[in-house]
Amino acid sequence: MVNSLDHFMWASSDLDGAVAAFERLSGVRPGIGGSHPGRGTRNALASLGSSIYLELIAPDPAQPLDGTPGGELRAIKQPCIHAIVAVTRDLAAVQKAYAAAGMTTDLRDGGRKTPSGNFIRWKFLTPQAGMLGAFAPLFIDWLDSTHPARTSTPGCTLTRFEAGHPDSDTIGTLWRNLGLDIPLYRADRPHFVAELSTPRGPLRLTS
């Protein structure tokens, strides 16, 4: 089982502000994706290659936010890498790998309407991460939907994505069992780093 990075979430308390900030930094304006009903979030997307993209995610003021993922994003003071999502065609195997590590998971259907009026759907696996936080990655199966990297605003390319964690041995074992191929190093504090090639030169995003 080999599962690669599908996208990472650059989270903010204000989507419009995050879109404007990314455009200033990169010269590329992410396109509005849509809202996630019941999740309290909405997003904007920028392609980073043929099979990977950046998701800018923030609370959706048109939805109730209390008790939702969107509600949790209201406390973010500045945009940062908030979560990573890996793509897989075998969510059952991923679920078994998490179970072997003593972690329960939630498997659910997802979907949203795009600005063009199309509807894309997916299956999403969310682990009960506990102390691992964002280092217990989310997993997605896009089913028969067109991958968002092919329809999102182009112009940027991901040149490197890596992670650091004080307990890199434990995290590394989990990631190997999940088939995840993201570089991981021992570091003083948990963090993610994404390096992008953009029209305005190299851009580094961090958690």
N, C-alpha and C. Protein backbone atom coordinates (compact mmCIF):
# COMPACT_ATOMS: atom_id res chain seq x y z
N MET A 1 0.85 -1.20 0.00
CA MET A 1 0.00 0.00 0.00
C MET A 1 0.89 1.25 0.00
N VAL A 2 0.80 2.04 -1.04
CA VAL A 2 1.53 3.31 -1.12
C VAL A 2 0.51 4.42 -1.33
N ASN A 3 0.44 5.35 -0.40
CA ASN A 3 -0.52 6.45 -0.46
C ASN A 3 0.24 7.77 -0.42
N SER A 4 -0.06 8.65 -1.34
CA SER A 4 0.68 9.91 -1.46
C SER A 4 -0.14 11.09 -0.96
N LEU A 5 0.54 12.20 -0.78
CA LEU A 5 -0.12 13.43 -0.38
C LEU A 5 -1.07 13.89 -1.48
N ASP A 6 -2.31 14.12 -1.12
CA ASP A 6 -3.31 14.58 -2.07
C ASP A 6 -3.44 16.10 -2.03
N HIS A 7 -3.57 16.64 -0.84
CA HIS A 7 -3.60 18.09 -0.66
C HIS A 7 -3.32 18.42 0.79
N PHE A 8 -3.01 19.67 1.05
CA PHE A 8 -2.88 20.12 2.42
C PHE A 8 -3.71 21.37 2.60
N MET A 9 -4.19 21.54 3.83
CA MET A 9 -5.10 22.63 4.16
C MET A 9 -4.33 23.80 4.75
N TRP A 10 -4.44 24.94 4.11
CA TRP A 10 -3.90 26.20 4.63
C TRP A 10 -5.08 26.91 5.25
N ALA A 11 -5.17 26.84 6.57
CA ALA A 11 -6.39 27.26 7.26
C ALA A 11 -6.30 28.69 7.74
N SER A 12 -7.47 29.31 7.84
CA SER A 12 -7.57 30.71 8.26
C SER A 12 -8.93 30.93 8.89
N SER A 13 -9.06 32.02 9.63
CA SER A 13 -10.37 32.39 10.17
C SER A 13 -11.20 33.15 9.16
N ASP A 14 -10.58 33.55 8.03
CA ASP A 14 -11.26 34.37 7.03
C ASP A 14 -10.80 33.94 5.64
N LEU A 15 -11.67 33.33 4.88
CA LEU A 15 -11.27 32.81 3.57
C LEU A 15 -10.87 33.92 2.62
N ASP A 16 -11.63 34.99 2.56
CA ASP A 16 -11.30 36.08 1.64
C ASP A 16 -9.93 36.66 1.95
N GLY A 17 -9.62 36.81 3.23
CA GLY A 17 -8.31 37.32 3.61
C GLY A 17 -7.19 36.37 3.23
N ALA A 18 -7.43 35.06 3.38
CA ALA A 18 -6.41 34.07 3.03
C ALA A 18 -6.17 34.04 1.54
N VAL A 19 -7.25 34.16 0.75
CA VAL A 19 -7.11 34.19 -0.71
C VAL A 19 -6.28 35.39 -1.13
N ALA A 20 -6.58 36.56 -0.54
CA ALA A 20 -5.83 37.77 -0.87
C ALA A 20 -4.37 37.65 -0.46
N ALA A 21 -4.12 37.04 0.72
CA ALA A 21 -2.74 36.88 1.19
C ALA A 21 -1.95 35.95 0.27
N PHE A 22 -2.58 34.83 -0.14
CA PHE A 22 -1.87 33.90 -1.02
C PHE A 22 -1.59 34.56 -2.37
N GLU A 23 -2.52 35.35 -2.86
CA GLU A 23 -2.30 36.03 -4.14
C GLU A 23 -1.14 37.01 -4.04
N ARG A 24 -1.03 37.73 -2.93
CA ARG A 24 0.09 38.66 -2.75
C ARG A 24 1.42 37.91 -2.73
N LEU A 25 1.44 36.78 -2.08
CA LEU A 25 2.68 36.02 -1.93
C LEU A 25 3.10 35.29 -3.21
N SER A 26 2.12 34.81 -3.96
CA SER A 26 2.41 33.92 -5.08
C SER A 26 2.16 34.51 -6.46
N GLY A 27 1.27 35.49 -6.53
CA GLY A 27 0.85 36.00 -7.84
C GLY A 27 -0.27 35.18 -8.46
N VAL A 28 -0.80 34.21 -7.72
CA VAL A 28 -1.89 33.36 -8.20
C VAL A 28 -3.07 33.51 -7.24
N ARG A 29 -4.24 33.76 -7.80
CA ARG A 29 -5.43 33.90 -6.96
C ARG A 29 -6.21 32.59 -6.96
N PRO A 30 -6.29 31.90 -5.83
CA PRO A 30 -7.04 30.64 -5.78
C PRO A 30 -8.51 30.85 -6.13
N GLY A 31 -9.09 29.88 -6.79
CA GLY A 31 -10.49 29.96 -7.16
C GLY A 31 -11.37 29.42 -6.05
N ILE A 32 -12.53 30.04 -5.86
CA ILE A 32 -13.45 29.58 -4.82
C ILE A 32 -13.93 28.17 -5.17
N GLY A 33 -13.85 27.28 -4.19
CA GLY A 33 -14.30 25.91 -4.40
C GLY A 33 -15.77 25.75 -4.06
N GLY A 34 -16.12 25.94 -2.80
CA GLY A 34 -17.52 25.81 -2.38
C GLY A 34 -17.60 25.60 -0.89
N SER A 35 -18.80 25.30 -0.42
CA SER A 35 -19.06 25.08 1.00
C SER A 35 -19.21 23.59 1.29
N HIS A 36 -18.94 23.23 2.53
CA HIS A 36 -19.10 21.86 2.99
C HIS A 36 -20.28 21.83 3.97
N PRO A 37 -21.46 21.46 3.50
CA PRO A 37 -22.65 21.48 4.36
C PRO A 37 -22.48 20.62 5.61
N GLY A 38 -22.83 21.21 6.74
CA GLY A 38 -22.74 20.51 8.00
C GLY A 38 -21.36 20.54 8.64
N ARG A 39 -20.36 20.99 7.89
CA ARG A 39 -19.00 21.06 8.42
C ARG A 39 -18.64 22.47 8.87
N GLY A 40 -19.43 23.45 8.42
CA GLY A 40 -19.15 24.83 8.82
C GLY A 40 -17.96 25.43 8.12
N THR A 41 -17.56 24.89 6.97
CA THR A 41 -16.38 25.38 6.28
C THR A 41 -16.67 25.68 4.82
N ARG A 42 -15.83 26.49 4.23
CA ARG A 42 -15.82 26.72 2.78
C ARG A 42 -14.37 26.83 2.35
N ASN A 43 -14.12 26.69 1.04
CA ASN A 43 -12.72 26.65 0.63
C ASN A 43 -12.46 27.36 -0.68
N ALA A 44 -11.19 27.52 -0.97
CA ALA A 44 -10.69 27.98 -2.26
C ALA A 44 -9.50 27.09 -2.60
N LEU A 45 -9.24 26.90 -3.90
CA LEU A 45 -8.26 25.90 -4.32
C LEU A 45 -7.26 26.47 -5.32
N ALA A 46 -6.03 25.96 -5.23
CA ALA A 46 -4.99 26.28 -6.20
C ALA A 46 -4.26 24.99 -6.55
N SER A 47 -4.18 24.67 -7.83
CA SER A 47 -3.48 23.47 -8.26
C SER A 47 -1.98 23.63 -8.01
N LEU A 48 -1.35 22.54 -7.57
CA LEU A 48 0.10 22.53 -7.36
C LEU A 48 0.78 21.47 -8.23
N GLY A 49 0.05 20.98 -9.23
CA GLY A 49 0.55 19.93 -10.10
C GLY A 49 -0.61 19.12 -10.63
N SER A 50 -0.31 18.02 -11.29
CA SER A 50 -1.38 17.24 -11.93
C SER A 50 -2.23 16.45 -10.95
N SER A 51 -1.70 16.20 -9.74
CA SER A 51 -2.44 15.35 -8.80
C SER A 51 -2.35 15.84 -7.36
N ILE A 52 -2.02 17.12 -7.18
CA ILE A 52 -1.92 17.66 -5.84
C ILE A 52 -2.34 19.13 -5.85
N TYR A 53 -2.95 19.57 -4.77
CA TYR A 53 -3.43 20.95 -4.74
C TYR A 53 -3.39 21.50 -3.32
N LEU A 54 -3.53 22.81 -3.24
CA LEU A 54 -3.60 23.54 -1.98
C LEU A 54 -5.06 23.88 -1.71
N GLU A 55 -5.52 23.56 -0.51
CA GLU A 55 -6.88 23.92 -0.11
C GLU A 55 -6.80 25.01 0.95
N LEU A 56 -7.30 26.19 0.62
CA LEU A 56 -7.47 27.24 1.61
C LEU A 56 -8.83 27.01 2.25
N ILE A 57 -8.88 26.86 3.56
CA ILE A 57 -10.12 26.51 4.23
C ILE A 57 -10.36 27.45 5.40
N ALA A 58 -11.63 27.78 5.62
CA ALA A 58 -11.99 28.75 6.65
C ALA A 58 -13.44 28.54 7.05
N PRO A 59 -13.88 29.16 8.13
CA PRO A 59 -15.29 29.07 8.51
C PRO A 59 -16.20 29.63 7.42
N ASP A 60 -17.36 29.01 7.27
CA ASP A 60 -18.37 29.48 6.34
C ASP A 60 -19.42 30.27 7.13
N PRO A 61 -19.43 31.59 7.00
CA PRO A 61 -20.36 32.39 7.82
C PRO A 61 -21.83 32.13 7.50
N ALA A 62 -22.11 31.44 6.40
CA ALA A 62 -23.50 31.13 6.05
C ALA A 62 -24.02 29.89 6.78
N GLN A 63 -23.15 29.21 7.52
CA GLN A 63 -23.55 28.00 8.24
C GLN A 63 -23.44 28.20 9.75
N PRO A 64 -24.21 27.43 10.52
CA PRO A 64 -23.96 27.41 11.98
C PRO A 64 -22.57 26.86 12.24
N LEU A 65 -21.82 27.49 13.14
CA LEU A 65 -20.42 27.11 13.35
C LEU A 65 -20.15 26.38 14.66
N ASP A 66 -20.99 26.57 15.66
CA ASP A 66 -20.71 25.94 16.95
C ASP A 66 -20.70 24.42 16.82
N GLY A 67 -19.62 23.83 17.34
CA GLY A 67 -19.50 22.38 17.32
C GLY A 67 -19.08 21.79 15.98
N THR A 68 -18.62 22.63 15.05
CA THR A 68 -18.20 22.16 13.73
C THR A 68 -16.71 22.41 13.53
N PRO A 69 -16.10 21.74 12.54
CA PRO A 69 -14.71 22.05 12.22
C PRO A 69 -14.52 23.53 11.87
N GLY A 70 -15.50 24.11 11.20
CA GLY A 70 -15.41 25.53 10.87
C GLY A 70 -15.35 26.39 12.11
N GLY A 71 -16.09 26.01 13.13
CA GLY A 71 -16.06 26.77 14.38
C GLY A 71 -14.69 26.76 15.02
N GLU A 72 -13.96 25.64 14.89
CA GLU A 72 -12.62 25.55 15.46
C GLU A 72 -11.63 26.47 14.75
N LEU A 73 -11.89 26.75 13.47
CA LEU A 73 -10.96 27.58 12.71
C LEU A 73 -11.07 29.06 13.05
N ARG A 74 -12.11 29.45 13.77
CA ARG A 74 -12.27 30.86 14.11
C ARG A 74 -11.13 31.39 14.97
N ALA A 75 -10.43 30.49 15.68
CA ALA A 75 -9.37 30.93 16.59
C ALA A 75 -8.02 31.12 15.89
N ILE A 76 -7.91 30.75 14.63
CA ILE A 76 -6.63 30.88 13.93
C ILE A 76 -6.31 32.35 13.70
N LYS A 77 -5.10 32.76 14.09
CA LYS A 77 -4.73 34.17 13.99
C LYS A 77 -4.12 34.54 12.64
N GLN A 78 -3.44 33.60 12.00
CA GLN A 78 -2.89 33.84 10.67
C GLN A 78 -2.87 32.52 9.91
N PRO A 79 -2.95 32.57 8.58
CA PRO A 79 -3.01 31.32 7.81
C PRO A 79 -1.83 30.41 8.11
N CYS A 80 -2.10 29.11 8.18
CA CYS A 80 -1.05 28.12 8.47
C CYS A 80 -1.48 26.77 7.92
N ILE A 81 -0.50 25.88 7.74
CA ILE A 81 -0.83 24.51 7.35
C ILE A 81 -1.48 23.83 8.55
N HIS A 82 -2.71 23.42 8.37
CA HIS A 82 -3.55 22.95 9.46
C HIS A 82 -3.72 21.43 9.45
N ALA A 83 -3.71 20.83 8.26
CA ALA A 83 -3.94 19.39 8.14
C ALA A 83 -3.41 18.91 6.80
N ILE A 84 -3.10 17.61 6.75
CA ILE A 84 -2.68 17.00 5.50
C ILE A 84 -3.66 15.88 5.16
N VAL A 85 -3.87 15.69 3.87
CA VAL A 85 -4.82 14.69 3.39
C VAL A 85 -4.11 13.82 2.35
N ALA A 86 -4.13 12.52 2.56
CA ALA A 86 -3.52 11.58 1.63
C ALA A 86 -4.62 10.93 0.78
N VAL A 87 -4.27 10.56 -0.44
CA VAL A 87 -5.22 9.92 -1.33
C VAL A 87 -4.98 8.41 -1.33
N THR A 88 -6.06 7.66 -1.37
CA THR A 88 -5.96 6.21 -1.39
C THR A 88 -7.13 5.63 -2.17
N ARG A 89 -6.96 4.41 -2.65
CA ARG A 89 -8.05 3.65 -3.25
C ARG A 89 -8.45 2.49 -2.35
N ASP A 90 -7.88 2.46 -1.14
CA ASP A 90 -8.16 1.35 -0.22
C ASP A 90 -8.36 1.90 1.19
N LEU A 91 -9.49 2.53 1.40
CA LEU A 91 -9.76 3.10 2.72
C LEU A 91 -9.89 2.01 3.78
N ALA A 92 -10.31 0.82 3.39
CA ALA A 92 -10.43 -0.28 4.35
C ALA A 92 -9.06 -0.65 4.91
N ALA A 93 -8.04 -0.68 4.05
CA ALA A 93 -6.69 -1.00 4.51
C ALA A 93 -6.16 0.10 5.43
N VAL A 94 -6.45 1.35 5.10
CA VAL A 94 -6.03 2.46 5.96
C VAL A 94 -6.71 2.35 7.32
N GLN A 95 -8.00 2.01 7.31
CA GLN A 95 -8.74 1.88 8.55
C GLN A 95 -8.15 0.76 9.42
N LYS A 96 -7.75 -0.34 8.79
CA LYS A 96 -7.12 -1.44 9.53
C LYS A 96 -5.78 -1.02 10.11
N ALA A 97 -5.01 -0.24 9.35
CA ALA A 97 -3.71 0.22 9.85
C ALA A 97 -3.87 1.12 11.06
N TYR A 98 -4.86 2.00 11.02
CA TYR A 98 -5.14 2.84 12.18
C TYR A 98 -5.60 2.00 13.37
N ALA A 99 -6.45 1.02 13.11
CA ALA A 99 -6.94 0.16 14.19
C ALA A 99 -5.80 -0.60 14.84
N ALA A 100 -4.83 -1.05 14.03
CA ALA A 100 -3.67 -1.76 14.57
C ALA A 100 -2.84 -0.87 15.48
N ALA A 101 -2.91 0.46 15.25
CA ALA A 101 -2.21 1.42 16.09
C ALA A 101 -3.06 1.87 17.27
N GLY A 102 -4.23 1.24 17.43
CA GLY A 102 -5.11 1.57 18.55
C GLY A 102 -5.93 2.83 18.34
N MET A 103 -6.12 3.23 17.08
CA MET A 103 -6.83 4.47 16.79
C MET A 103 -8.13 4.17 16.03
N THR A 104 -9.22 4.74 16.52
CA THR A 104 -10.49 4.59 15.84
C THR A 104 -10.60 5.64 14.73
N THR A 105 -11.44 5.36 13.75
CA THR A 105 -11.60 6.25 12.60
C THR A 105 -13.07 6.44 12.28
N ASP A 106 -13.33 7.53 11.62
CA ASP A 106 -14.68 7.83 11.15
C ASP A 106 -14.66 7.86 9.63
N LEU A 107 -15.46 7.03 9.00
CA LEU A 107 -15.53 6.97 7.54
C LEU A 107 -16.88 7.54 7.11
N ARG A 108 -16.84 8.54 6.26
CA ARG A 108 -18.08 9.19 5.85
C ARG A 108 -18.02 9.60 4.38
N ASP A 109 -19.20 9.86 3.85
CA ASP A 109 -19.31 10.38 2.49
C ASP A 109 -19.20 11.90 2.53
N GLY A 110 -18.61 12.47 1.48
CA GLY A 110 -18.50 13.91 1.38
C GLY A 110 -18.86 14.37 -0.02
N GLY A 111 -19.11 15.64 -0.14
CA GLY A 111 -19.42 16.20 -1.45
C GLY A 111 -19.68 17.68 -1.35
N ARG A 112 -19.60 18.34 -2.49
CA ARG A 112 -19.94 19.76 -2.55
C ARG A 112 -20.26 20.14 -3.98
N LYS A 113 -21.03 21.20 -4.10
CA LYS A 113 -21.36 21.75 -5.40
C LYS A 113 -20.28 22.75 -5.80
N THR A 114 -19.78 22.63 -7.02
CA THR A 114 -18.73 23.54 -7.50
C THR A 114 -19.37 24.81 -8.05
N PRO A 115 -18.58 25.89 -8.20
CA PRO A 115 -19.13 27.12 -8.78
C PRO A 115 -19.73 26.92 -10.17
N SER A 116 -19.27 25.90 -10.89
CA SER A 116 -19.81 25.65 -12.23
C SER A 116 -21.13 24.90 -12.20
N GLY A 117 -21.53 24.48 -11.01
CA GLY A 117 -22.80 23.78 -10.87
C GLY A 117 -22.67 22.27 -10.82
N ASN A 118 -21.46 21.75 -11.03
CA ASN A 118 -21.25 20.31 -10.92
C ASN A 118 -21.18 19.90 -9.45
N PHE A 119 -21.37 18.62 -9.22
CA PHE A 119 -21.29 18.10 -7.85
C PHE A 119 -20.18 17.05 -7.82
N ILE A 120 -19.22 17.23 -6.93
CA ILE A 120 -18.17 16.24 -6.78
C ILE A 120 -18.39 15.52 -5.45
N ARG A 121 -18.00 14.26 -5.43
CA ARG A 121 -18.23 13.46 -4.22
C ARG A 121 -16.97 12.66 -3.90
N TRP A 122 -16.86 12.25 -2.65
CA TRP A 122 -15.71 11.51 -2.19
C TRP A 122 -16.06 10.74 -0.94
N LYS A 123 -15.18 9.86 -0.52
CA LYS A 123 -15.24 9.21 0.80
C LYS A 123 -14.04 9.70 1.59
N PHE A 124 -14.27 9.95 2.87
CA PHE A 124 -13.28 10.62 3.70
C PHE A 124 -13.10 9.84 4.99
N LEU A 125 -11.85 9.59 5.36
CA LEU A 125 -11.56 8.89 6.61
C LEU A 125 -10.85 9.83 7.56
N THR A 126 -11.43 10.02 8.73
CA THR A 126 -10.86 10.91 9.74
C THR A 126 -10.50 10.10 10.98
N PRO A 127 -9.22 10.09 11.37
CA PRO A 127 -8.84 9.36 12.59
C PRO A 127 -9.13 10.18 13.83
N GLN A 128 -9.38 9.47 14.93
CA GLN A 128 -9.45 10.13 16.24
C GLN A 128 -8.01 10.27 16.72
N ALA A 129 -7.41 11.41 16.37
CA ALA A 129 -5.95 11.54 16.42
C ALA A 129 -5.38 11.63 17.83
N GLY A 130 -6.14 12.14 18.78
CA GLY A 130 -5.61 12.29 20.13
C GLY A 130 -4.39 13.19 20.15
N MET A 131 -3.33 12.72 20.79
CA MET A 131 -2.12 13.53 20.94
C MET A 131 -1.37 13.73 19.62
N LEU A 132 -1.65 12.91 18.62
CA LEU A 132 -0.93 13.03 17.36
C LEU A 132 -1.42 14.21 16.52
N GLY A 133 -2.61 14.67 16.77
CA GLY A 133 -3.13 15.83 16.04
C GLY A 133 -3.06 15.64 14.54
N ALA A 134 -2.52 16.64 13.85
CA ALA A 134 -2.46 16.62 12.39
C ALA A 134 -1.48 15.58 11.86
N PHE A 135 -0.70 14.94 12.74
CA PHE A 135 0.25 13.92 12.30
C PHE A 135 -0.42 12.55 12.16
N ALA A 136 -1.69 12.49 12.44
CA ALA A 136 -2.52 11.35 12.05
C ALA A 136 -3.32 11.81 10.84
N PRO A 137 -2.81 11.57 9.63
CA PRO A 137 -3.39 12.19 8.43
C PRO A 137 -4.82 11.73 8.13
N LEU A 138 -5.54 12.60 7.48
CA LEU A 138 -6.83 12.25 6.91
C LEU A 138 -6.59 11.57 5.57
N PHE A 139 -7.54 10.74 5.14
CA PHE A 139 -7.43 10.04 3.86
C PHE A 139 -8.70 10.23 3.05
N ILE A 140 -8.52 10.31 1.73
CA ILE A 140 -9.65 10.56 0.84
C ILE A 140 -9.60 9.61 -0.36
N ASP A 141 -10.78 9.20 -0.80
CA ASP A 141 -10.94 8.45 -2.05
C ASP A 141 -11.89 9.28 -2.91
N TRP A 142 -11.43 9.73 -4.07
CA TRP A 142 -12.22 10.62 -4.91
C TRP A 142 -13.26 9.88 -5.75
N LEU A 143 -13.34 8.58 -5.61
CA LEU A 143 -14.36 7.80 -6.31
C LEU A 143 -14.30 8.08 -7.81
N ASP A 144 -15.41 8.53 -8.39
CA ASP A 144 -15.43 8.80 -9.84
C ASP A 144 -15.35 10.30 -10.16
N SER A 145 -15.01 11.11 -9.16
CA SER A 145 -14.94 12.56 -9.37
C SER A 145 -13.63 12.95 -10.05
N THR A 146 -13.67 14.02 -10.83
CA THR A 146 -12.45 14.58 -11.40
C THR A 146 -11.62 15.18 -10.27
N HIS A 147 -10.33 14.87 -10.26
CA HIS A 147 -9.48 15.37 -9.17
C HIS A 147 -9.41 16.89 -9.22
N PRO A 148 -9.57 17.56 -8.06
CA PRO A 148 -9.57 19.03 -8.04
C PRO A 148 -8.29 19.66 -8.58
N ALA A 149 -7.16 18.95 -8.55
CA ALA A 149 -5.91 19.52 -9.08
C ALA A 149 -6.04 19.82 -10.57
N ARG A 150 -6.94 19.11 -11.25
CA ARG A 150 -7.10 19.29 -12.69
C ARG A 150 -8.03 20.45 -13.03
N THR A 151 -8.79 20.90 -12.05
CA THR A 151 -9.78 21.95 -12.32
C THR A 151 -9.51 23.23 -11.54
N SER A 152 -8.52 23.20 -10.63
CA SER A 152 -8.23 24.37 -9.80
C SER A 152 -7.32 25.34 -10.53
N THR A 153 -7.23 26.55 -10.00
CA THR A 153 -6.40 27.59 -10.59
C THR A 153 -4.96 27.14 -10.71
N PRO A 154 -4.38 27.16 -11.92
CA PRO A 154 -2.99 26.74 -12.10
C PRO A 154 -2.02 27.89 -11.84
N GLY A 155 -0.72 27.58 -11.94
CA GLY A 155 0.30 28.61 -11.84
C GLY A 155 1.38 28.32 -10.82
N CYS A 156 1.06 27.47 -9.81
CA CYS A 156 2.03 27.12 -8.77
C CYS A 156 2.35 25.63 -8.84
N THR A 157 3.54 25.28 -8.35
CA THR A 157 3.95 23.88 -8.31
C THR A 157 4.55 23.58 -6.94
N LEU A 158 4.17 22.44 -6.38
CA LEU A 158 4.78 22.01 -5.13
C LEU A 158 6.14 21.39 -5.43
N THR A 159 7.20 21.95 -4.88
CA THR A 159 8.54 21.42 -5.10
C THR A 159 9.01 20.53 -3.96
N ARG A 160 8.47 20.74 -2.76
CA ARG A 160 8.84 19.90 -1.62
C ARG A 160 7.80 20.03 -0.52
N PHE A 161 7.52 18.91 0.13
CA PHE A 161 6.68 18.92 1.32
C PHE A 161 7.32 17.98 2.33
N GLU A 162 7.53 18.47 3.56
CA GLU A 162 8.14 17.64 4.57
C GLU A 162 7.55 17.94 5.94
N ALA A 163 7.82 17.04 6.88
CA ALA A 163 7.29 17.18 8.23
C ALA A 163 8.40 16.94 9.24
N GLY A 164 8.27 17.55 10.41
CA GLY A 164 9.20 17.33 11.50
C GLY A 164 8.44 17.08 12.79
N HIS A 165 8.97 16.22 13.65
CA HIS A 165 8.28 15.91 14.91
C HIS A 165 9.29 15.40 15.92
N PRO A 166 9.16 15.77 17.21
CA PRO A 166 10.09 15.26 18.23
C PRO A 166 10.06 13.74 18.34
N ASP A 167 8.89 13.14 18.15
CA ASP A 167 8.75 11.69 18.22
C ASP A 167 8.62 11.13 16.80
N SER A 168 9.63 11.38 16.01
CA SER A 168 9.57 10.97 14.61
C SER A 168 9.57 9.45 14.46
N ASP A 169 10.09 8.71 15.45
CA ASP A 169 10.09 7.25 15.37
C ASP A 169 8.66 6.72 15.41
N THR A 170 7.87 7.19 16.37
CA THR A 170 6.47 6.74 16.49
C THR A 170 5.66 7.16 15.26
N ILE A 171 5.81 8.44 14.88
CA ILE A 171 5.07 8.94 13.72
C ILE A 171 5.50 8.19 12.46
N GLY A 172 6.81 7.98 12.32
CA GLY A 172 7.31 7.29 11.14
C GLY A 172 6.78 5.87 11.02
N THR A 173 6.69 5.16 12.14
CA THR A 173 6.13 3.81 12.11
C THR A 173 4.68 3.83 11.66
N LEU A 174 3.90 4.76 12.22
CA LEU A 174 2.50 4.89 11.81
C LEU A 174 2.40 5.20 10.33
N TRP A 175 3.19 6.15 9.86
CA TRP A 175 3.11 6.54 8.45
C TRP A 175 3.51 5.40 7.53
N ARG A 176 4.52 4.62 7.91
CA ARG A 176 4.91 3.48 7.08
C ARG A 176 3.77 2.46 7.00
N ASN A 177 3.11 2.22 8.13
CA ASN A 177 1.99 1.27 8.14
C ASN A 177 0.80 1.78 7.34
N LEU A 178 0.70 3.11 7.24
CA LEU A 178 -0.36 3.71 6.43
C LEU A 178 0.03 3.82 4.96
N GLY A 179 1.28 3.50 4.66
CA GLY A 179 1.76 3.59 3.28
C GLY A 179 2.03 5.01 2.84
N LEU A 180 2.24 5.91 3.79
CA LEU A 180 2.41 7.33 3.47
C LEU A 180 3.86 7.64 3.13
N ASP A 181 4.07 8.36 2.02
CA ASP A 181 5.44 8.58 1.52
C ASP A 181 5.96 10.00 1.71
N ILE A 182 5.49 10.71 2.74
CA ILE A 182 5.94 12.08 3.00
C ILE A 182 7.22 12.06 3.83
N PRO A 183 8.27 12.81 3.42
CA PRO A 183 9.50 12.87 4.22
C PRO A 183 9.23 13.38 5.63
N LEU A 184 9.82 12.70 6.62
CA LEU A 184 9.63 13.03 8.03
C LEU A 184 10.97 13.03 8.73
N TYR A 185 11.22 14.08 9.55
CA TYR A 185 12.49 14.22 10.25
C TYR A 185 12.25 14.50 11.73
N ARG A 186 13.25 14.17 12.54
CA ARG A 186 13.18 14.54 13.95
C ARG A 186 13.38 16.05 14.07
N ALA A 187 12.55 16.69 14.88
CA ALA A 187 12.61 18.14 15.04
C ALA A 187 12.23 18.52 16.46
N ASP A 188 12.59 19.73 16.85
CA ASP A 188 12.30 20.18 18.21
C ASP A 188 10.81 20.38 18.45
N ARG A 189 10.09 20.69 17.38
CA ARG A 189 8.65 20.90 17.52
C ARG A 189 7.94 20.32 16.30
N PRO A 190 6.68 19.91 16.46
CA PRO A 190 5.93 19.39 15.31
C PRO A 190 5.69 20.50 14.29
N HIS A 191 5.93 20.19 13.02
CA HIS A 191 5.68 21.20 11.99
C HIS A 191 5.60 20.55 10.61
N PHE A 192 4.95 21.28 9.70
CA PHE A 192 4.93 20.93 8.28
C PHE A 192 5.53 22.10 7.50
N VAL A 193 6.20 21.79 6.41
CA VAL A 193 6.76 22.81 5.53
C VAL A 193 6.43 22.44 4.09
N ALA A 194 5.86 23.39 3.36
CA ALA A 194 5.61 23.22 1.93
C ALA A 194 6.39 24.28 1.17
N GLU A 195 7.13 23.86 0.17
CA GLU A 195 7.86 24.79 -0.68
C GLU A 195 7.24 24.77 -2.07
N LEU A 196 6.89 25.96 -2.55
CA LEU A 196 6.19 26.12 -3.82
C LEU A 196 7.01 26.95 -4.79
N SER A 197 6.89 26.62 -6.05
CA SER A 197 7.38 27.47 -7.12
C SER A 197 6.19 28.28 -7.62
N THR A 198 6.32 29.61 -7.63
CA THR A 198 5.20 30.48 -8.00
C THR A 198 5.68 31.54 -8.99
N PRO A 199 4.74 32.24 -9.63
CA PRO A 199 5.14 33.33 -10.54
C PRO A 199 5.96 34.41 -9.85
N ARG A 200 5.85 34.53 -8.54
CA ARG A 200 6.62 35.53 -7.80
C ARG A 200 7.84 34.93 -7.10
N GLY A 201 8.22 33.74 -7.49
CA GLY A 201 9.40 33.11 -6.94
C GLY A 201 9.06 32.05 -5.91
N PRO A 202 10.07 31.48 -5.24
CA PRO A 202 9.84 30.43 -4.25
C PRO A 202 8.99 30.95 -3.10
N LEU A 203 8.11 30.09 -2.61
CA LEU A 203 7.23 30.43 -1.50
C LEU A 203 7.25 29.28 -0.51
N ARG A 204 7.41 29.64 0.75
CA ARG A 204 7.47 28.63 1.82
C ARG A 204 6.26 28.84 2.74
N LEU A 205 5.46 27.78 2.89
CA LEU A 205 4.31 27.80 3.80
C LEU A 205 4.59 26.85 4.95
N THR A 206 4.20 27.24 6.16
CA THR A 206 4.47 26.41 7.34
C THR A 206 3.22 26.25 8.21
N SER A 207 3.34 25.33 9.14
CA SER A 207 2.25 25.13 10.10
C SER A 207 2.41 26.07 11.28
